Amino acid sequence: MTRNRFLLLAAALVLAPSVGIAQPQSLAGLWDATVVVGDVTVPFRMEIAGTGSSVKGSFFNGDQKVTSTTGGFENGSLVLSFDEYETKLEATLKDGRLEGQYTRGTRGAPYPFQAQRFAPSKVDAADVPSIAGLWNVQVKSSKGEDAWQLIVRQSGAEASAVILRVDGDTGVLTGTYSNGKFVLSHFSGARPLRVEVTPQGDGTLSVVQNKDNPLTAVRSDIARAKGLPEPSDPSRFTTMKDPTEPLRFSFPDLSGRTVSNTDDRFRGKVVIVNITGSWCPNCHDEVPFLVELYRKYHAQGLEIVGLSFEEAAQLKNPTRLRSFMKRYGVDYTMLLAGEPKELTEKVPQAVNLNSFPTSFFLGRDGRVRSVHAGFPGAASGKFHDEAKHEIATLVERLLAERVTSDAGERRGGKRD
């Protein structure tokens, strides 16, 4: 055998083991996905990164990412877990498509799921009406609201929008204009919603959520000039039956130890009592801000107590709430107050308490000085910034107040 033939044979033997061995498939990149909620198909975009047992998946809420806690892709099967929501995405790759379901623990039936690789779509921007701006959506909600805010941003045929209600916002709805209407949708692991916005000849908008009856949106300045009902003021929505009485609470923490408003740790302190739940998307929007407040003002006398309302299974073993607290770095007091349906029973001193979240602001004497229903997330833009500023200013004002001699008695529920 000649030297050249020997070298060629040796090279072939070296390469032979790699021939026919399939390289692991990668899902990395953007995907156009849908979930089916009831009989409504909700489109959204997601991102997958990593390979094998270190895959992570992310949903989007505008510019914010909601990334899986753990994930893996092996033998054509994708599994992504989102512990702070106690949800899981399970899908199989076939012919370049992902198909499966998004399960939600004990909170209802799974959502059927499909996805395919992201492909930019060509959108004809010609003759697209402008709907950018602030709109007043006339409504009769189950919470007693007469109007919502609709905030729209637009670039040609592409638009993003947020519906802001008293309890918080929908997350960022995104989509495009086609066939006379904007089709916008949102899914960030929670809050699945599809909205069709159709401009009308009289300058109003027809707004259809999922397959509900159409609502009418009027530009806010025009609605104000016409004297139409305004969106509810979250600082006046929930009140106290007797504002001279201290707000009372007594519930177990996650270790089973009872914590009450009369405990020494709260004596002479400014306290935020926050109605929350790890299942609640608007509570997820709010908690980073509460964590920020606590770290900034705790040394000056601020305490925060979360009254978490969870399903019965979570009250027995609050795994989702623990993950919620870990995800956002919650280091203030968190108590297990009951199930969501027990809210008014467990907090009987409040009037019109029906929003998750809701925060009660207690002065150093234990009395409620203000109540704020809901929380507008970052998706709400200026409304988010304004809410944060107003709440921080209120906390600073309450911290600046002097402790009265009867503060302890008032906090314990006694009066002269």
Protein backbone atom coordinates (compact mmCIF):
# COMPACT_ATOMS: atom_id res chain seq x y z
CA MET A 1 0.00 0.00 0.00
CA THR A 2 1.40 3.35 -0.95
CA ARG A 3 1.87 6.05 1.64
CA ASN A 4 -0.84 8.26 0.05
CA ARG A 5 -3.38 5.42 0.02
CA PHE A 6 -2.55 4.68 3.66
CA LEU A 7 -3.10 8.30 4.70
CA LEU A 8 -6.45 8.41 2.89
CA LEU A 9 -7.57 5.20 4.55
CA ALA A 10 -6.52 6.48 7.97
CA ALA A 11 -8.40 9.71 7.44
CA ALA A 12 -11.51 7.78 6.41
CA LEU A 13 -11.33 5.66 9.57
CA VAL A 14 -11.01 8.78 11.72
CA LEU A 15 -14.04 10.38 10.09
CA ALA A 16 -16.12 7.22 9.95
CA PRO A 17 -17.53 7.38 13.52
CA SER A 18 -19.13 10.78 12.82
CA VAL A 19 -20.86 9.65 9.66
CA GLY A 20 -24.56 8.98 10.21
CA ILE A 21 -24.61 10.38 13.77
CA ALA A 22 -27.37 12.99 13.97
CA GLN A 23 -26.42 16.27 15.54
CA PRO A 24 -28.70 17.38 18.41
CA GLN A 25 -31.51 19.62 17.22
CA SER A 26 -31.60 23.18 18.49
CA LEU A 27 -34.74 25.16 19.19
CA ALA A 28 -32.82 28.38 19.84
CA GLY A 29 -34.43 31.51 18.43
CA LEU A 30 -37.79 33.23 18.16
CA TRP A 31 -41.03 31.32 17.64
CA ASP A 32 -44.52 32.40 16.61
CA ALA A 33 -46.86 30.55 18.97
CA THR A 34 -50.51 30.27 19.93
CA VAL A 35 -52.51 29.04 22.89
CA VAL A 36 -56.20 28.21 22.68
CA VAL A 37 -58.26 29.54 25.57
CA GLY A 38 -61.81 28.29 25.42
CA ASP A 39 -62.57 28.77 21.74
CA VAL A 40 -60.24 31.75 21.25
CA THR A 41 -56.82 31.37 19.62
CA VAL A 42 -54.31 33.81 21.12
CA PRO A 43 -51.11 34.40 19.11
CA PHE A 44 -47.88 35.50 20.81
CA ARG A 45 -44.12 35.40 20.39
CA MET A 46 -41.66 33.46 22.51
CA GLU A 47 -37.93 32.85 22.59
CA ILE A 48 -36.01 29.64 23.27
CA ALA A 49 -32.34 29.53 24.27
CA GLY A 50 -29.88 26.77 25.17
CA THR A 51 -29.75 23.09 24.34
CA GLY A 52 -30.36 19.74 25.99
CA SER A 53 -31.04 19.91 29.72
CA SER A 54 -30.26 23.64 29.94
CA VAL A 55 -32.98 25.00 27.68
CA LYS A 56 -34.82 28.13 28.82
CA GLY A 57 -37.92 29.62 27.30
CA SER A 58 -39.17 33.19 27.56
CA PHE A 59 -42.53 34.85 27.02
CA PHE A 60 -42.76 38.60 26.46
CA ASN A 61 -44.68 41.42 28.11
CA GLY A 62 -43.58 44.26 25.91
CA ASP A 63 -39.83 44.59 26.52
CA GLN A 64 -39.98 42.47 29.67
CA LYS A 65 -39.12 38.79 29.56
CA VAL A 66 -40.79 36.08 31.63
CA THR A 67 -38.23 33.27 31.61
CA SER A 68 -38.74 29.67 32.65
CA THR A 69 -37.27 28.45 35.93
CA THR A 70 -36.04 25.20 34.38
CA GLY A 71 -36.28 23.53 31.02
CA GLY A 72 -35.02 20.78 28.75
CA PHE A 73 -35.22 19.50 25.20
CA GLU A 74 -34.44 15.83 24.70
CA ASN A 75 -35.58 13.25 22.13
CA GLY A 76 -37.81 15.81 20.46
CA SER A 77 -39.67 16.77 23.65
CA LEU A 78 -39.59 20.25 25.13
CA VAL A 79 -40.47 20.90 28.79
CA LEU A 80 -40.40 24.40 30.35
CA SER A 81 -41.43 25.05 33.97
CA PHE A 82 -42.44 28.42 35.39
CA ASP A 83 -42.41 27.79 39.14
CA GLU A 84 -43.69 31.21 40.26
CA TYR A 85 -46.90 30.52 38.29
CA GLU A 86 -46.82 26.75 38.88
CA THR A 87 -47.22 26.26 35.12
CA LYS A 88 -45.52 24.03 32.57
CA LEU A 89 -45.15 24.04 28.80
CA GLU A 90 -44.83 20.57 27.26
CA ALA A 91 -44.47 20.18 23.51
CA THR A 92 -43.11 17.80 20.87
CA LEU A 93 -41.15 18.86 17.81
CA LYS A 94 -42.50 17.37 14.59
CA ASP A 95 -41.84 18.54 11.05
CA GLY A 96 -40.40 21.78 12.37
CA ARG A 97 -43.43 22.59 14.53
CA LEU A 98 -43.95 22.41 18.27
CA GLU A 99 -47.26 21.00 19.49
CA GLY A 100 -48.38 20.37 23.03
CA GLN A 101 -50.05 22.09 25.97
CA TYR A 102 -49.53 24.71 28.66
CA THR A 103 -50.70 23.31 32.00
CA ARG A 104 -51.67 25.56 34.90
CA GLY A 105 -51.54 23.39 38.02
CA THR A 106 -54.94 23.33 39.69
CA ARG A 107 -56.19 26.51 38.04
CA GLY A 108 -58.10 24.99 35.14
CA ALA A 109 -57.75 23.01 31.94
CA PRO A 110 -54.49 23.15 29.95
CA TYR A 111 -54.21 25.48 26.97
CA PRO A 112 -53.46 23.68 23.66
CA PHE A 113 -50.17 25.07 22.30
CA GLN A 114 -48.55 25.30 18.86
CA ALA A 115 -45.48 27.12 17.55
CA GLN A 116 -43.41 27.49 14.43
CA ARG A 117 -40.22 29.34 13.69
CA PHE A 118 -40.60 33.11 13.58
CA ALA A 119 -40.91 34.52 10.08
CA PRO A 120 -41.19 38.28 9.49
CA SER A 121 -44.46 39.15 7.83
CA LYS A 122 -44.84 41.80 5.19
CA VAL A 123 -47.38 44.37 6.26
CA ASP A 124 -48.78 46.91 3.87
CA ALA A 125 -48.70 50.22 5.75
CA ALA A 126 -50.71 52.06 3.12
CA ASP A 127 -53.92 53.73 4.29
CA VAL A 128 -53.56 52.59 7.90
CA PRO A 129 -55.65 54.76 10.25
CA SER A 130 -53.94 56.33 13.24
CA ILE A 131 -55.25 55.13 16.60
CA ALA A 132 -52.26 56.08 18.76
CA GLY A 133 -53.08 57.88 21.99
CA LEU A 134 -55.22 57.60 25.10
CA TRP A 135 -58.80 56.34 24.88
CA ASN A 136 -61.73 56.09 27.28
CA VAL A 137 -63.44 52.69 26.97
CA GLN A 138 -67.02 52.79 28.20
CA VAL A 139 -67.87 49.68 30.20
CA LYS A 140 -70.01 48.27 33.01
CA SER A 141 -67.59 45.94 34.75
CA SER A 142 -68.26 43.35 37.43
CA LYS A 143 -66.20 45.51 39.81
CA GLY A 144 -68.46 48.52 39.33
CA GLU A 145 -66.28 50.44 36.87
CA ASP A 146 -67.80 52.73 34.24
CA ALA A 147 -64.69 53.15 32.09
CA TRP A 148 -61.21 51.76 31.36
CA GLN A 149 -58.14 53.36 29.84
CA LEU A 150 -56.89 52.16 26.45
CA ILE A 151 -53.30 53.22 25.77
CA VAL A 152 -52.15 52.74 22.16
CA ARG A 153 -48.74 53.13 20.54
CA GLN A 154 -48.43 52.76 16.78
CA SER A 155 -45.79 52.56 14.07
CA GLY A 156 -47.39 52.26 10.68
CA ALA A 157 -49.46 49.10 10.53
CA GLU A 158 -47.96 47.77 13.76
CA ALA A 159 -49.50 48.67 17.11
CA SER A 160 -49.14 47.87 20.79
CA ALA A 161 -51.78 48.61 23.38
CA VAL A 162 -52.67 48.19 27.03
CA ILE A 163 -56.09 48.15 28.64
CA LEU A 164 -55.83 49.58 32.15
CA ARG A 165 -58.55 48.69 34.65
CA VAL A 166 -58.82 49.45 38.32
CA ASP A 167 -57.04 46.23 39.29
CA GLY A 168 -54.20 46.65 36.79
CA ASP A 169 -53.45 46.18 33.13
CA THR A 170 -53.74 43.45 30.51
CA GLY A 171 -50.05 43.37 29.71
CA VAL A 172 -48.83 44.58 26.32
CA LEU A 173 -51.10 43.63 23.43
CA THR A 174 -49.26 43.57 20.10
CA GLY A 175 -50.34 43.07 16.51
CA THR A 176 -50.98 44.63 13.11
CA TYR A 177 -53.65 46.24 10.96
CA SER A 178 -55.34 44.16 8.29
CA ASN A 179 -58.76 44.06 6.65
CA GLY A 180 -59.99 47.19 8.40
CA LYS A 181 -58.99 46.32 11.98
CA PHE A 182 -56.07 45.90 14.36
CA VAL A 183 -55.78 42.40 15.80
CA LEU A 184 -53.77 42.59 19.05
CA SER A 185 -52.94 39.86 21.54
CA HIS A 186 -51.02 39.06 24.72
CA PHE A 187 -49.69 35.97 26.48
CA SER A 188 -46.78 36.11 28.92
CA GLY A 189 -47.54 32.85 30.68
CA ALA A 190 -50.65 34.54 32.07
CA ARG A 191 -53.37 36.98 30.96
CA PRO A 192 -54.11 35.39 27.55
CA LEU A 193 -56.14 37.91 25.57
CA ARG A 194 -57.05 38.66 21.96
CA VAL A 195 -58.47 42.10 21.14
CA GLU A 196 -59.84 43.39 17.86
CA VAL A 197 -59.82 47.17 17.49
CA THR A 198 -61.85 48.53 14.58
CA PRO A 199 -61.84 52.26 13.75
CA GLN A 200 -65.36 53.64 13.20
CA GLY A 201 -66.54 56.38 10.90
CA ASP A 202 -67.39 58.70 13.80
CA GLY A 203 -63.84 58.63 15.18
CA THR A 204 -64.55 56.06 17.91
CA LEU A 205 -63.14 52.54 18.15
CA SER A 206 -64.97 49.26 18.47
CA VAL A 207 -63.08 47.11 20.98
CA VAL A 208 -63.81 43.36 21.16
CA GLN A 209 -62.05 41.30 23.82
CA ASN A 210 -61.88 37.64 22.82
CA LYS A 211 -65.49 37.08 21.66
CA ASP A 212 -67.23 39.44 24.09
CA ASN A 213 -69.69 42.11 23.03
CA PRO A 214 -68.09 45.19 21.45
CA LEU A 215 -67.14 48.12 23.67
CA THR A 216 -66.86 51.71 22.46
CA ALA A 217 -63.67 53.69 22.96
CA VAL A 218 -63.63 57.49 22.70
CA ARG A 219 -60.50 59.63 22.72
CA SER A 220 -60.01 60.73 26.32
CA ASP A 221 -60.14 64.47 25.68
CA ILE A 222 -63.37 64.09 23.69
CA ALA A 223 -64.88 61.81 26.36
CA ARG A 224 -64.05 64.40 29.01
CA ALA A 225 -65.58 67.20 26.94
CA LYS A 226 -68.75 65.13 26.54
CA GLY A 227 -68.92 64.41 30.25
CA LEU A 228 -68.66 60.64 29.81
CA PRO A 229 -67.88 58.54 32.90
CA GLU A 230 -64.19 58.50 33.82
CA PRO A 231 -62.10 55.48 34.84
CA SER A 232 -62.25 54.71 38.56
CA ASP A 233 -59.73 56.43 40.80
CA PRO A 234 -57.75 53.56 42.41
CA SER A 235 -57.04 55.70 45.49
CA ARG A 236 -60.78 56.12 46.16
CA PHE A 237 -62.12 52.78 44.96
CA THR A 238 -61.80 50.85 48.25
CA THR A 239 -62.51 52.47 51.62
CA MET A 240 -62.83 51.55 55.29
CA LYS A 241 -66.11 51.08 57.14
CA ASP A 242 -64.67 52.93 60.14
CA PRO A 243 -61.47 54.86 59.35
CA THR A 244 -60.91 55.57 63.05
CA GLU A 245 -60.30 51.87 63.75
CA PRO A 246 -56.95 50.14 63.18
CA LEU A 247 -56.81 47.54 60.41
CA ARG A 248 -56.73 44.14 62.08
CA PHE A 249 -55.12 40.99 60.71
CA SER A 250 -53.98 37.73 62.26
CA PHE A 251 -52.81 34.95 59.93
CA PRO A 252 -50.05 32.33 59.82
CA ASP A 253 -46.81 32.90 57.99
CA LEU A 254 -45.29 30.20 55.78
CA SER A 255 -43.76 28.47 58.78
CA GLY A 256 -47.15 28.31 60.55
CA ARG A 257 -46.46 31.06 63.12
CA THR A 258 -49.35 33.49 63.63
CA VAL A 259 -48.57 37.14 62.89
CA SER A 260 -50.97 39.89 64.03
CA ASN A 261 -51.26 43.63 63.66
CA THR A 262 -50.75 43.94 67.44
CA ASP A 263 -47.25 42.36 67.33
CA ASP A 264 -44.42 44.49 68.68
CA ARG A 265 -42.68 44.54 65.29
CA PHE A 266 -45.43 46.84 63.96
CA ARG A 267 -45.72 49.16 66.95
CA GLY A 268 -45.11 52.75 65.90
CA LYS A 269 -44.29 51.69 62.32
CA VAL A 270 -45.73 52.65 58.96
CA VAL A 271 -47.22 49.45 57.53
CA ILE A 272 -48.35 48.52 54.03
CA VAL A 273 -50.84 45.65 54.18
CA ASN A 274 -50.88 44.22 50.69
CA ILE A 275 -53.65 41.96 49.38
CA THR A 276 -51.92 39.61 46.95
CA GLY A 277 -51.78 36.13 45.43
CA SER A 278 -49.08 34.24 43.56
CA TRP A 279 -51.66 33.35 40.87
CA CYS A 280 -52.39 37.03 40.17
CA PRO A 281 -50.54 38.59 37.17
CA ASN A 282 -51.05 42.14 38.42
CA CYS A 283 -49.53 41.09 41.75
CA HIS A 284 -46.47 39.91 39.81
CA ASP A 285 -46.36 43.40 38.26
CA GLU A 286 -46.50 45.06 41.68
CA VAL A 287 -44.20 42.98 43.86
CA PRO A 288 -40.86 44.29 42.46
CA PHE A 289 -41.95 47.80 43.45
CA LEU A 290 -42.90 46.68 46.98
CA VAL A 291 -39.53 44.96 47.32
CA GLU A 292 -37.88 48.22 46.24
CA LEU A 293 -39.90 50.25 48.76
CA TYR A 294 -39.11 47.86 51.60
CA ARG A 295 -35.38 47.89 50.96
CA LYS A 296 -35.33 51.68 50.70
CA TYR A 297 -37.49 52.59 53.70
CA HIS A 298 -37.39 49.63 56.10
CA ALA A 299 -34.61 51.16 58.18
CA GLN A 300 -36.74 54.32 58.51
CA GLY A 301 -39.69 52.41 59.97
CA LEU A 302 -41.57 50.83 57.06
CA GLU A 303 -43.01 47.33 57.36
CA ILE A 304 -44.83 45.45 54.60
CA VAL A 305 -47.19 42.56 55.21
CA GLY A 306 -48.48 40.51 52.30
CA LEU A 307 -51.83 38.82 52.86
CA SER A 308 -51.66 36.11 50.24
CA PHE A 309 -54.90 34.50 49.10
CA GLU A 310 -54.23 31.11 47.49
CA GLU A 311 -56.14 28.01 46.41
CA ALA A 312 -56.75 25.37 49.07
CA ALA A 313 -53.92 23.12 47.81
CA GLN A 314 -51.46 26.02 47.95
CA LEU A 315 -52.53 26.94 51.47
CA LYS A 316 -51.55 23.42 52.55
CA ASN A 317 -48.27 23.46 50.65
CA PRO A 318 -47.42 26.92 49.27
CA THR A 319 -44.80 25.84 46.73
CA ARG A 320 -45.90 28.43 44.15
CA LEU A 321 -45.87 31.25 46.70
CA ARG A 322 -42.36 30.28 47.80
CA SER A 323 -41.20 30.38 44.17
CA PHE A 324 -42.98 33.73 43.71
CA MET A 325 -41.10 35.14 46.70
CA LYS A 326 -37.79 33.70 45.53
CA ARG A 327 -38.20 35.00 41.99
CA TYR A 328 -38.72 38.60 43.15
CA GLY A 329 -36.54 38.57 46.27
CA VAL A 330 -39.41 39.17 48.71
CA ASP A 331 -37.96 39.53 52.21
CA TYR A 332 -40.88 41.24 53.94
CA THR A 333 -43.59 39.40 55.89
CA MET A 334 -45.88 37.13 53.87
CA LEU A 335 -48.95 35.51 55.44
CA LEU A 336 -51.39 32.86 54.24
CA ALA A 337 -54.72 34.63 54.61
CA GLY A 338 -57.14 32.24 52.90
CA GLU A 339 -58.63 31.44 49.51
CA PRO A 340 -59.42 34.24 47.01
CA LYS A 341 -63.16 33.72 47.46
CA GLU A 342 -62.74 34.48 51.18
CA LEU A 343 -61.27 37.96 50.66
CA THR A 344 -64.17 40.03 52.04
CA GLU A 345 -64.70 37.56 54.89
CA LYS A 346 -61.06 37.70 55.97
CA VAL A 347 -60.78 41.50 55.58
CA PRO A 348 -64.24 42.58 56.77
CA GLN A 349 -63.31 46.18 57.65
CA ALA A 350 -63.00 47.23 54.00
CA VAL A 351 -65.71 48.43 51.63
CA ASN A 352 -65.65 47.49 47.94
CA LEU A 353 -62.59 45.28 48.31
CA ASN A 354 -62.57 43.25 45.10
CA SER A 355 -59.24 43.90 43.39
CA PHE A 356 -56.04 41.87 43.42
CA PRO A 357 -53.78 43.52 44.40
CA THR A 358 -54.95 46.16 46.88
CA SER A 359 -52.72 47.96 49.37
CA PHE A 360 -53.71 49.51 52.71
CA PHE A 361 -51.35 52.19 54.01
CA LEU A 362 -51.26 52.38 57.81
CA GLY A 363 -49.87 55.30 59.75
CA ARG A 364 -47.78 54.83 62.88
CA ASP A 365 -51.01 54.69 64.91
CA GLY A 366 -52.26 51.64 62.99
CA ARG A 367 -55.09 53.46 61.23
CA VAL A 368 -55.60 53.24 57.49
CA ARG A 369 -54.58 56.52 55.91
CA SER A 370 -55.03 55.49 52.28
CA VAL A 371 -56.06 52.50 50.17
CA HIS A 372 -54.83 51.86 46.63
CA ALA A 373 -56.70 49.34 44.47
CA GLY A 374 -54.77 47.47 41.80
CA PHE A 375 -51.40 48.29 40.30
CA PRO A 376 -50.58 49.48 36.75
CA GLY A 377 -47.57 47.50 35.50
CA ALA A 378 -44.66 48.86 33.48
CA ALA A 379 -46.73 48.21 30.35
CA SER A 380 -48.98 51.12 31.42
CA GLY A 381 -46.23 53.67 30.84
CA LYS A 382 -46.88 57.01 32.55
CA PHE A 383 -49.64 55.51 34.72
CA HIS A 384 -47.09 53.07 36.13
CA ASP A 385 -44.60 55.87 36.82
CA GLU A 386 -47.26 58.08 38.39
CA ALA A 387 -48.51 55.30 40.68
CA LYS A 388 -44.99 54.54 41.91
CA HIS A 389 -44.32 58.22 42.57
CA GLU A 390 -47.61 58.76 44.42
CA ILE A 391 -47.13 55.71 46.62
CA ALA A 392 -43.51 56.52 47.44
CA THR A 393 -44.50 60.10 48.31
CA LEU A 394 -47.28 58.80 50.59
CA VAL A 395 -44.88 56.43 52.36
CA GLU A 396 -42.36 59.24 52.92
CA ARG A 397 -45.08 61.48 54.32
CA LEU A 398 -46.30 58.80 56.71
CA LEU A 399 -42.76 58.03 57.85
CA ALA A 400 -42.22 61.72 58.60
CA GLU A 401 -45.17 61.83 61.01
CA ARG A 402 -44.41 61.67 64.72
CA VAL A 403 -45.59 58.75 66.83
CA THR A 404 -48.42 59.81 69.16
CA SER A 405 -48.60 58.61 72.75
CA ASP A 406 -51.68 56.49 72.11
CA ALA A 407 -50.33 54.88 68.94
CA GLY A 408 -49.90 51.54 70.66
CA GLU A 409 -53.46 51.55 71.98
CA ARG A 410 -54.88 52.49 68.61
CA ARG A 411 -52.90 49.74 66.86
CA GLY A 412 -54.32 47.26 69.34
CA GLY A 413 -57.84 48.40 68.60
CA LYS A 414 -58.44 50.43 71.75
CA ARG A 415 -59.58 54.02 71.84
CA ASP A 416 -59.91 56.57 74.64
